[in-house]
């Protein structure tokens, strides 16, 4: 675990491609950008109309087609573990299981927050400790898995990628009143 901690804490930015598998077997692809601590962007390829942004405080799930946006505090989502400034898997009380296989290491983190309870499973390559995939299990027991590839670590990121349009939420709420 110390090797995974060392590797993961050395990576402050990461971007690449992803494939996401939903609980009903649906598959979507896109590009992702991470800037730790707290910032993330998932651009989903069409036909998906989702856009997920984390600005360090909040997570925005935007549907471009429906023109809706839902906001959650980052601290109340399982992504907070993945996006935290420092990760210590040996000391984190939420780590409930570690499985070491010849080619992969899986770390299970149970997440119980006020809003939500779920599970985050992080999958690392056992040779170089690079993050390969994560799976989020929501409070209803549904799994969503994200596999990442073509990953560039510690490259430059554009701060504009992580900006949430809070005015869009105000406009949306006005229309719903």
Protein backbone atom coordinates (compact mmCIF):
# COMPACT_ATOMS: atom_id res chain seq x y z
CA UNK A 1 0.00 0.00 0.00
CA UNK A 2 2.87 2.39 0.67
CA UNK A 3 3.89 2.09 -3.00
CA UNK A 4 0.38 2.97 -4.19
CA UNK A 5 0.27 5.93 -1.78
CA UNK A 6 3.65 7.18 -3.03
CA UNK A 7 2.70 6.82 -6.68
CA UNK A 8 -0.77 8.29 -6.34
CA UNK A 9 0.36 11.25 -4.22
CA UNK A 10 3.01 12.07 -6.84
CA UNK A 11 0.32 12.52 -9.53
CA UNK A 12 -1.29 15.95 -9.28
CA UNK A 13 -2.78 16.10 -12.78
CA UNK A 14 -3.99 13.40 -15.11
CA UNK A 15 -5.87 13.37 -18.39
CA UNK A 16 -6.80 10.80 -20.99
CA UNK A 17 -9.67 8.78 -22.38
CA UNK A 18 -12.29 6.81 -20.51
CA UNK A 19 -14.94 4.18 -21.07
CA UNK A 20 -17.78 4.15 -18.56
CA UNK A 21 -20.02 1.13 -18.02
CA UNK A 22 -23.31 1.88 -16.30
CA UNK A 23 -25.39 -0.38 -14.07
CA UNK A 24 -27.68 -1.37 -16.96
CA UNK A 25 -24.76 -2.31 -19.22
CA UNK A 26 -24.73 0.94 -21.18
CA UNK A 27 -21.37 2.13 -22.38
CA UNK A 28 -20.22 5.71 -22.96
CA UNK A 29 -16.82 7.13 -23.79
CA UNK A 30 -15.10 10.46 -23.50
CA UNK A 31 -12.14 12.43 -22.19
CA UNK A 32 -11.28 13.14 -18.58
CA UNK A 33 -9.12 15.71 -16.80
CA UNK A 34 -8.12 15.60 -13.12
CA UNK A 35 -6.27 18.29 -11.19
CA UNK A 36 -5.89 17.33 -7.56
CA UNK A 37 -7.06 18.44 -5.14
CA UNK A 38 -10.72 18.47 -6.02
CA UNK A 39 -10.92 19.27 -9.72
CA UNK A 40 -12.26 16.97 -12.40
CA UNK A 41 -13.88 17.18 -15.83
CA UNK A 42 -15.55 14.41 -17.80
CA UNK A 43 -16.48 15.23 -21.41
CA UNK A 44 -18.80 12.54 -22.68
CA UNK A 45 -18.84 11.77 -26.40
CA UNK A 46 -22.17 11.89 -28.24
CA UNK A 47 -24.78 10.49 -28.07
CA UNK A 48 -24.34 11.12 -24.32
CA UNK A 49 -25.16 14.68 -23.33
CA UNK A 50 -23.51 14.61 -19.89
CA UNK A 51 -20.78 16.94 -18.68
CA UNK A 52 -19.38 16.44 -15.16
CA UNK A 53 -17.27 19.17 -13.55
CA UNK A 54 -15.67 19.38 -10.13
CA UNK A 55 -14.26 22.77 -9.14
CA UNK A 56 -12.73 21.78 -5.81
CA UNK A 57 -15.89 22.52 -3.80
CA UNK A 58 -18.84 21.24 -5.80
CA UNK A 59 -19.59 18.57 -8.41
CA UNK A 60 -21.85 19.60 -11.29
CA UNK A 61 -23.69 17.01 -13.38
CA UNK A 62 -24.93 18.83 -16.44
CA UNK A 63 -27.18 17.42 -19.15
CA UNK A 64 -26.51 19.48 -22.27
CA UNK A 65 -29.59 18.14 -24.07
CA UNK A 66 -32.09 18.70 -21.23
CA UNK A 67 -30.24 21.88 -20.17
CA UNK A 68 -30.28 20.82 -16.52
CA UNK A 69 -27.54 20.90 -13.93
CA UNK A 70 -27.44 19.23 -10.53
CA UNK A 71 -24.91 20.27 -7.89
CA UNK A 72 -23.49 18.28 -4.97
CA UNK A 73 -20.80 19.16 -2.46
CA UNK A 74 -17.62 17.28 -3.45
CA UNK A 75 -17.24 16.30 0.22
CA UNK A 76 -20.46 14.27 -0.05
CA UNK A 77 -19.43 12.21 -3.09
CA UNK A 78 -17.11 9.20 -3.41
CA UNK A 79 -15.01 11.26 -5.85
CA UNK A 80 -13.57 13.12 -2.85
CA UNK A 81 -11.26 10.14 -2.18
CA UNK A 82 -9.97 10.07 -5.75
CA UNK A 83 -9.53 13.85 -5.83
CA UNK A 84 -8.10 14.44 -2.37
CA UNK A 85 -4.74 16.20 -2.05
CA UNK A 86 -3.10 13.33 -0.15
CA UNK A 87 -4.20 9.72 -0.10
CA UNK A 88 -3.14 7.35 2.68
CA UNK A 89 -4.75 3.99 2.01
CA UNK A 90 -3.02 2.44 5.03
CA UNK A 91 -4.55 4.90 7.49
CA UNK A 92 -7.91 5.63 5.88
CA UNK A 93 -10.56 4.11 8.13
CA UNK A 94 -12.87 3.80 5.14
CA UNK A 95 -10.65 1.21 3.40
CA UNK A 96 -12.49 -2.06 3.95
CA UNK A 97 -10.65 -4.46 1.64
CA UNK A 98 -7.50 -4.81 -0.44
CA UNK A 99 -7.16 -7.54 -3.04
CA UNK A 100 -3.78 -8.24 -4.61
CA UNK A 101 -3.82 -10.24 -7.83
CA UNK A 102 -0.89 -10.94 -10.18
CA UNK A 103 -1.67 -7.95 -12.43
CA UNK A 104 -4.05 -5.75 -10.40
CA UNK A 105 -4.50 -4.34 -6.91
CA UNK A 106 -8.06 -3.44 -5.87
CA UNK A 107 -8.75 -1.14 -2.93
CA UNK A 108 -12.32 -0.90 -1.63
CA UNK A 109 -13.38 2.25 0.20
CA UNK A 110 -16.79 2.28 1.88
CA UNK A 111 -18.32 5.72 1.90
CA UNK A 112 -21.03 6.68 4.33
CA UNK A 113 -22.01 10.31 4.25
CA UNK A 114 -25.04 12.23 5.33
CA UNK A 115 -26.45 12.37 1.77
CA UNK A 116 -25.29 9.13 0.41
CA UNK A 117 -23.66 5.87 1.14
CA UNK A 118 -21.76 3.86 -1.37
CA UNK A 119 -18.52 2.20 -2.23
CA UNK A 120 -15.55 3.24 -4.31
CA UNK A 121 -13.23 0.56 -5.67
CA UNK A 122 -9.92 1.77 -7.06
CA UNK A 123 -8.01 -0.61 -9.36
CA UNK A 124 -4.26 -0.15 -9.83
CA UNK A 125 -1.74 -1.93 -12.05
CA UNK A 126 0.37 -4.11 -9.74
CA UNK A 127 3.57 -3.50 -11.75
CA UNK A 128 3.66 0.33 -11.81
CA UNK A 129 0.79 1.23 -9.42
CA UNK A 130 -0.94 3.37 -12.06
CA UNK A 131 -4.66 3.88 -11.64
CA UNK A 132 -6.53 1.82 -14.26
CA UNK A 133 -10.16 1.92 -13.22
CA UNK A 134 -12.63 2.84 -10.52
CA UNK A 135 -16.10 1.63 -9.72
CA UNK A 136 -18.69 3.56 -7.75
CA UNK A 137 -21.51 1.59 -6.10
CA UNK A 138 -24.39 3.88 -5.18
CA UNK A 139 -26.72 3.59 -2.21
CA UNK A 140 -29.13 1.43 -4.26
CA UNK A 141 -26.31 -1.05 -4.99
CA UNK A 142 -25.81 -0.06 -8.64
CA UNK A 143 -22.25 -0.07 -10.02
CA UNK A 144 -20.78 2.39 -12.51
CA UNK A 145 -17.25 1.57 -13.68
CA UNK A 146 -14.80 3.90 -15.39
CA UNK A 147 -11.74 2.46 -17.14
CA UNK A 148 -9.04 4.97 -18.13
CA UNK A 149 -6.42 4.71 -20.87
CA UNK A 150 -4.04 6.89 -22.93
CA UNK A 151 -3.33 8.60 -19.61
CA UNK A 152 -0.87 11.49 -19.34
CA UNK A 153 0.25 12.21 -15.78
CA UNK A 154 1.45 15.54 -14.36
CA UNK A 155 0.92 17.37 -17.64
CA UNK A 156 -0.50 20.90 -17.88
CA UNK A 157 -4.22 21.48 -17.37
CA UNK A 158 -6.40 24.40 -18.35
CA UNK A 159 -8.10 25.97 -15.29
CA UNK A 160 -11.14 26.81 -17.47
CA UNK A 161 -11.95 23.09 -17.67
CA UNK A 162 -12.99 23.11 -14.01
CA UNK A 163 -15.34 26.12 -13.97
CA UNK A 164 -18.97 25.43 -13.00
CA UNK A 165 -21.65 27.71 -14.41
CA UNK A 166 -23.45 28.55 -11.15
CA UNK A 167 -25.66 31.07 -12.97
CA UNK A 168 -27.11 28.20 -15.02
CA UNK A 169 -28.37 26.71 -11.75
CA UNK A 170 -29.96 30.00 -10.72
CA UNK A 171 -31.71 30.26 -14.12
CA UNK A 172 -32.83 26.62 -13.91
CA UNK A 173 -34.22 27.09 -10.40
CA UNK A 174 -36.09 30.23 -11.47
CA UNK A 175 -37.78 28.27 -14.27
CA UNK A 176 -38.78 25.49 -11.88
CA UNK A 177 -40.47 27.81 -9.35
